[in-house]
Amino acid sequence: MHYLYLMAAVLAETIGTTALQASQQFTRLLPSVIVVVAYGASFFLMSLTLKFMPVGIVYAIWSGLGIVLIAAIGFIVFGQRIDLPALAGMAMIICGILIIHLFSASSGH
C-alpha cells in the first residue's frame, strides 16, 4: 500500500509542477490554486509513505520520478527540448530507482 501512496504523491507533485508552469508566476488563479492543493496532497501522501520507508529512500524515488515525468510533460505539452545528456541523466535516475526498489533492503518491500 505504501508504494501506492508514493506513486500518488509523485503524480500529485507532477500535477502541481505542471500547474506551476501554467500559473505564470502565480498570476493566474486556477493554476495557482492547483499548485497549492497538489503540493499539499503530495506532501500528505509522502508522509503516509514515511510510516513504512526511510525518508531518504522516499525522497529519492519521489524526486527522481518527478524529474523524469516533468521533463516528459515539458517536452510533450510545452514543447521544451531535451538533449542527449539530459536523457542520459534521466535514464540513470530511473536505473537508480530500480536499483533501490529491486536490491535495497531499505525500500520497504
N, C-alpha and C. Protein backbone atom coordinates (compact mmCIF):
# COMPACT_ATOMS: atom_id res chain seq x y z
N MET A 1 0.82 -1.20 0.00
CA MET A 1 0.00 0.00 0.00
C MET A 1 0.87 1.27 0.00
N HIS A 2 2.03 1.20 0.68
CA HIS A 2 2.86 2.40 0.76
C HIS A 2 3.39 2.82 -0.60
N TYR A 3 3.59 1.87 -1.52
CA TYR A 3 4.03 2.25 -2.86
C TYR A 3 2.91 2.97 -3.61
N LEU A 4 1.66 2.61 -3.34
CA LEU A 4 0.54 3.34 -3.95
C LEU A 4 0.51 4.78 -3.45
N TYR A 5 0.74 4.97 -2.14
CA TYR A 5 0.81 6.32 -1.60
C TYR A 5 1.94 7.11 -2.26
N LEU A 6 3.08 6.45 -2.42
CA LEU A 6 4.23 7.14 -3.01
C LEU A 6 3.97 7.49 -4.47
N MET A 7 3.39 6.59 -5.23
CA MET A 7 3.09 6.89 -6.65
C MET A 7 2.04 8.00 -6.76
N ALA A 8 1.06 7.99 -5.87
CA ALA A 8 0.07 9.07 -5.86
C ALA A 8 0.72 10.40 -5.49
N ALA A 9 1.70 10.37 -4.57
CA ALA A 9 2.43 11.58 -4.20
C ALA A 9 3.23 12.11 -5.39
N VAL A 10 3.85 11.22 -6.14
CA VAL A 10 4.59 11.62 -7.34
C VAL A 10 3.64 12.24 -8.36
N LEU A 11 2.49 11.61 -8.56
CA LEU A 11 1.50 12.13 -9.51
C LEU A 11 1.01 13.51 -9.08
N ALA A 12 0.71 13.68 -7.80
CA ALA A 12 0.26 14.99 -7.31
C ALA A 12 1.35 16.04 -7.48
N GLU A 13 2.58 15.68 -7.20
CA GLU A 13 3.70 16.63 -7.37
C GLU A 13 3.85 17.00 -8.84
N THR A 14 3.67 16.05 -9.72
CA THR A 14 3.78 16.31 -11.15
C THR A 14 2.67 17.25 -11.61
N ILE A 15 1.47 17.03 -11.12
CA ILE A 15 0.36 17.94 -11.44
C ILE A 15 0.65 19.33 -10.91
N GLY A 16 1.15 19.42 -9.68
CA GLY A 16 1.47 20.71 -9.09
C GLY A 16 2.54 21.46 -9.86
N THR A 17 3.57 20.76 -10.28
CA THR A 17 4.65 21.41 -11.02
C THR A 17 4.20 21.83 -12.41
N THR A 18 3.36 21.02 -13.04
CA THR A 18 2.81 21.41 -14.34
C THR A 18 1.93 22.65 -14.19
N ALA A 19 1.12 22.69 -13.15
CA ALA A 19 0.29 23.86 -12.89
C ALA A 19 1.15 25.08 -12.56
N LEU A 20 2.30 24.86 -11.94
CA LEU A 20 3.21 25.96 -11.63
C LEU A 20 3.65 26.66 -12.91
N GLN A 21 3.96 25.89 -13.94
CA GLN A 21 4.31 26.46 -15.24
C GLN A 21 3.12 27.23 -15.81
N ALA A 22 1.93 26.65 -15.69
CA ALA A 22 0.72 27.27 -16.25
C ALA A 22 0.26 28.49 -15.45
N SER A 23 0.68 28.59 -14.19
CA SER A 23 0.24 29.71 -13.35
C SER A 23 0.86 31.04 -13.74
N GLN A 24 1.91 30.99 -14.56
CA GLN A 24 2.63 32.19 -14.99
C GLN A 24 3.02 33.05 -13.79
N GLN A 25 3.86 32.46 -12.93
CA GLN A 25 4.38 33.10 -11.72
C GLN A 25 3.24 33.52 -10.77
N PHE A 26 2.27 32.64 -10.61
CA PHE A 26 1.12 32.84 -9.72
C PHE A 26 0.26 34.05 -10.11
N THR A 27 0.20 34.37 -11.38
CA THR A 27 -0.65 35.47 -11.84
C THR A 27 -2.00 34.96 -12.36
N ARG A 28 -2.15 33.65 -12.51
CA ARG A 28 -3.42 33.06 -12.92
C ARG A 28 -3.98 32.25 -11.76
N LEU A 29 -5.22 32.53 -11.38
CA LEU A 29 -5.80 32.00 -10.14
C LEU A 29 -5.94 30.47 -10.15
N LEU A 30 -6.63 29.90 -11.14
CA LEU A 30 -6.90 28.47 -11.11
C LEU A 30 -5.62 27.62 -11.09
N PRO A 31 -4.66 27.86 -11.98
CA PRO A 31 -3.43 27.07 -11.87
C PRO A 31 -2.70 27.28 -10.54
N SER A 32 -2.77 28.48 -9.99
CA SER A 32 -2.12 28.76 -8.70
C SER A 32 -2.77 27.95 -7.58
N VAL A 33 -4.09 27.84 -7.58
CA VAL A 33 -4.80 27.03 -6.59
C VAL A 33 -4.43 25.56 -6.76
N ILE A 34 -4.35 25.10 -8.01
CA ILE A 34 -3.97 23.72 -8.27
C ILE A 34 -2.57 23.43 -7.73
N VAL A 35 -1.65 24.37 -7.87
CA VAL A 35 -0.29 24.20 -7.34
C VAL A 35 -0.35 23.93 -5.84
N VAL A 36 -1.05 24.77 -5.11
CA VAL A 36 -1.10 24.65 -3.65
C VAL A 36 -1.77 23.35 -3.22
N VAL A 37 -2.89 23.02 -3.83
CA VAL A 37 -3.62 21.80 -3.47
C VAL A 37 -2.81 20.56 -3.84
N ALA A 38 -2.24 20.55 -5.03
CA ALA A 38 -1.48 19.37 -5.48
C ALA A 38 -0.24 19.14 -4.62
N TYR A 39 0.49 20.21 -4.30
CA TYR A 39 1.66 20.03 -3.44
C TYR A 39 1.26 19.62 -2.03
N GLY A 40 0.16 20.16 -1.52
CA GLY A 40 -0.32 19.73 -0.21
C GLY A 40 -0.66 18.25 -0.19
N ALA A 41 -1.37 17.80 -1.24
CA ALA A 41 -1.71 16.38 -1.36
C ALA A 41 -0.46 15.53 -1.49
N SER A 42 0.49 16.01 -2.27
CA SER A 42 1.73 15.26 -2.47
C SER A 42 2.48 15.06 -1.15
N PHE A 43 2.62 16.13 -0.38
CA PHE A 43 3.34 16.02 0.89
C PHE A 43 2.58 15.16 1.89
N PHE A 44 1.26 15.25 1.88
CA PHE A 44 0.47 14.40 2.77
C PHE A 44 0.67 12.92 2.41
N LEU A 45 0.55 12.60 1.13
CA LEU A 45 0.73 11.22 0.69
C LEU A 45 2.15 10.73 0.95
N MET A 46 3.13 11.61 0.77
CA MET A 46 4.50 11.23 1.05
C MET A 46 4.67 10.95 2.55
N SER A 47 3.99 11.71 3.40
CA SER A 47 4.09 11.48 4.84
C SER A 47 3.52 10.12 5.23
N LEU A 48 2.49 9.67 4.52
CA LEU A 48 1.95 8.33 4.78
C LEU A 48 2.96 7.25 4.42
N THR A 49 3.70 7.48 3.36
CA THR A 49 4.73 6.54 2.92
C THR A 49 5.84 6.44 3.96
N LEU A 50 6.12 7.54 4.64
CA LEU A 50 7.22 7.56 5.62
C LEU A 50 6.97 6.66 6.82
N LYS A 51 5.73 6.18 6.99
CA LYS A 51 5.46 5.21 8.05
C LYS A 51 6.12 3.86 7.75
N PHE A 52 6.43 3.62 6.47
CA PHE A 52 6.91 2.31 6.04
C PHE A 52 8.32 2.32 5.45
N MET A 53 8.78 3.48 5.02
CA MET A 53 10.06 3.57 4.32
C MET A 53 10.88 4.73 4.88
N PRO A 54 12.20 4.66 4.81
CA PRO A 54 13.05 5.75 5.29
C PRO A 54 12.90 6.99 4.40
N VAL A 55 13.07 8.14 5.02
CA VAL A 55 12.87 9.41 4.31
C VAL A 55 13.80 9.56 3.11
N GLY A 56 15.02 9.10 3.21
CA GLY A 56 15.96 9.24 2.10
C GLY A 56 15.53 8.44 0.88
N ILE A 57 15.01 7.25 1.10
CA ILE A 57 14.54 6.40 0.01
C ILE A 57 13.27 7.00 -0.60
N VAL A 58 12.35 7.41 0.25
CA VAL A 58 11.10 8.02 -0.24
C VAL A 58 11.41 9.26 -1.07
N TYR A 59 12.27 10.11 -0.56
CA TYR A 59 12.56 11.35 -1.27
C TYR A 59 13.31 11.09 -2.58
N ALA A 60 14.19 10.11 -2.59
CA ALA A 60 14.92 9.77 -3.81
C ALA A 60 13.95 9.31 -4.90
N ILE A 61 13.02 8.46 -4.55
CA ILE A 61 12.06 7.96 -5.53
C ILE A 61 11.11 9.08 -5.95
N TRP A 62 10.58 9.83 -4.98
CA TRP A 62 9.64 10.93 -5.25
C TRP A 62 10.26 11.97 -6.17
N SER A 63 11.45 12.41 -5.83
CA SER A 63 12.07 13.47 -6.64
C SER A 63 12.56 12.94 -7.98
N GLY A 64 13.11 11.74 -8.01
CA GLY A 64 13.61 11.16 -9.25
C GLY A 64 12.51 10.95 -10.27
N LEU A 65 11.42 10.31 -9.85
CA LEU A 65 10.31 10.10 -10.78
C LEU A 65 9.67 11.43 -11.18
N GLY A 66 9.62 12.36 -10.23
CA GLY A 66 9.08 13.69 -10.56
C GLY A 66 9.90 14.38 -11.64
N ILE A 67 11.22 14.29 -11.55
CA ILE A 67 12.09 14.90 -12.56
C ILE A 67 11.80 14.32 -13.94
N VAL A 68 11.73 13.01 -14.02
CA VAL A 68 11.52 12.35 -15.31
C VAL A 68 10.13 12.68 -15.87
N LEU A 69 9.10 12.63 -15.03
CA LEU A 69 7.75 12.93 -15.51
C LEU A 69 7.61 14.39 -15.94
N ILE A 70 8.18 15.30 -15.17
CA ILE A 70 8.09 16.72 -15.54
C ILE A 70 8.85 16.99 -16.83
N ALA A 71 9.98 16.36 -17.01
CA ALA A 71 10.72 16.53 -18.27
C ALA A 71 9.89 16.03 -19.45
N ALA A 72 9.22 14.89 -19.27
CA ALA A 72 8.38 14.35 -20.34
C ALA A 72 7.20 15.28 -20.63
N ILE A 73 6.57 15.80 -19.59
CA ILE A 73 5.46 16.74 -19.78
C ILE A 73 5.95 18.02 -20.43
N GLY A 74 7.11 18.51 -19.99
CA GLY A 74 7.68 19.70 -20.61
C GLY A 74 7.91 19.51 -22.10
N PHE A 75 8.37 18.33 -22.47
CA PHE A 75 8.62 18.01 -23.88
C PHE A 75 7.30 17.91 -24.65
N ILE A 76 6.34 17.15 -24.11
CA ILE A 76 5.08 16.88 -24.82
C ILE A 76 4.15 18.08 -24.82
N VAL A 77 3.95 18.69 -23.66
CA VAL A 77 2.95 19.75 -23.53
C VAL A 77 3.49 21.13 -23.88
N PHE A 78 4.70 21.43 -23.39
CA PHE A 78 5.23 22.78 -23.55
C PHE A 78 6.27 22.91 -24.66
N GLY A 79 6.55 21.81 -25.35
CA GLY A 79 7.49 21.84 -26.47
C GLY A 79 8.93 22.12 -26.08
N GLN A 80 9.29 21.81 -24.84
CA GLN A 80 10.66 22.04 -24.37
C GLN A 80 11.56 20.91 -24.87
N ARG A 81 12.74 21.26 -25.30
CA ARG A 81 13.68 20.28 -25.84
C ARG A 81 14.46 19.61 -24.73
N ILE A 82 14.78 18.34 -24.96
CA ILE A 82 15.60 17.56 -24.04
C ILE A 82 16.77 17.02 -24.85
N ASP A 83 17.99 17.40 -24.49
CA ASP A 83 19.15 16.94 -25.26
C ASP A 83 19.63 15.57 -24.75
N LEU A 84 20.60 15.01 -25.47
CA LEU A 84 21.09 13.68 -25.16
C LEU A 84 21.67 13.55 -23.75
N PRO A 85 22.49 14.51 -23.28
CA PRO A 85 22.99 14.38 -21.90
C PRO A 85 21.85 14.39 -20.86
N ALA A 86 20.81 15.18 -21.10
CA ALA A 86 19.67 15.19 -20.17
C ALA A 86 18.96 13.84 -20.19
N LEU A 87 18.77 13.28 -21.37
CA LEU A 87 18.15 11.96 -21.47
C LEU A 87 18.99 10.89 -20.77
N ALA A 88 20.30 10.97 -20.95
CA ALA A 88 21.19 10.01 -20.29
C ALA A 88 21.09 10.14 -18.77
N GLY A 89 21.06 11.37 -18.29
CA GLY A 89 20.93 11.60 -16.85
C GLY A 89 19.62 11.05 -16.31
N MET A 90 18.54 11.27 -17.05
CA MET A 90 17.24 10.75 -16.60
C MET A 90 17.20 9.23 -16.65
N ALA A 91 17.88 8.63 -17.62
CA ALA A 91 17.97 7.16 -17.66
C ALA A 91 18.71 6.65 -16.43
N MET A 92 19.74 7.37 -16.00
CA MET A 92 20.47 6.98 -14.78
C MET A 92 19.59 7.13 -13.54
N ILE A 93 18.73 8.15 -13.53
CA ILE A 93 17.81 8.32 -12.40
C ILE A 93 16.88 7.11 -12.32
N ILE A 94 16.31 6.71 -13.46
CA ILE A 94 15.42 5.55 -13.49
C ILE A 94 16.18 4.30 -13.05
N CYS A 95 17.41 4.12 -13.52
CA CYS A 95 18.22 2.97 -13.09
C CYS A 95 18.44 3.00 -11.59
N GLY A 96 18.70 4.16 -11.03
CA GLY A 96 18.89 4.29 -9.59
C GLY A 96 17.64 3.91 -8.82
N ILE A 97 16.48 4.34 -9.30
CA ILE A 97 15.22 3.98 -8.64
C ILE A 97 15.00 2.47 -8.71
N LEU A 98 15.29 1.87 -9.86
CA LEU A 98 15.15 0.42 -9.98
C LEU A 98 16.10 -0.33 -9.05
N ILE A 99 17.32 0.15 -8.93
CA ILE A 99 18.28 -0.48 -8.03
C ILE A 99 17.78 -0.41 -6.59
N ILE A 100 17.28 0.76 -6.20
CA ILE A 100 16.73 0.90 -4.84
C ILE A 100 15.59 -0.09 -4.63
N HIS A 101 14.67 -0.11 -5.58
CA HIS A 101 13.49 -0.96 -5.43
C HIS A 101 13.83 -2.46 -5.45
N LEU A 102 14.68 -2.85 -6.36
CA LEU A 102 14.94 -4.27 -6.55
C LEU A 102 15.96 -4.86 -5.57
N PHE A 103 16.92 -4.06 -5.14
CA PHE A 103 18.03 -4.62 -4.37
C PHE A 103 18.20 -4.08 -2.96
N SER A 104 17.59 -2.96 -2.62
CA SER A 104 17.82 -2.38 -1.30
C SER A 104 16.86 -2.95 -0.27
N ALA A 105 17.40 -3.33 0.84
CA ALA A 105 16.55 -3.78 1.96
C ALA A 105 15.85 -2.60 2.62
N SER A 106 16.29 -1.38 2.32
CA SER A 106 15.69 -0.18 2.91
C SER A 106 14.40 0.25 2.24
N SER A 107 14.09 -0.34 1.07
CA SER A 107 12.95 0.16 0.30
C SER A 107 11.59 -0.27 0.84
N GLY A 108 11.56 -1.14 1.80
CA GLY A 108 10.30 -1.47 2.46
C GLY A 108 9.40 -2.41 1.68
N HIS A 109 9.96 -3.24 0.81
CA HIS A 109 9.11 -4.20 0.10
C HIS A 109 9.31 -5.61 0.60
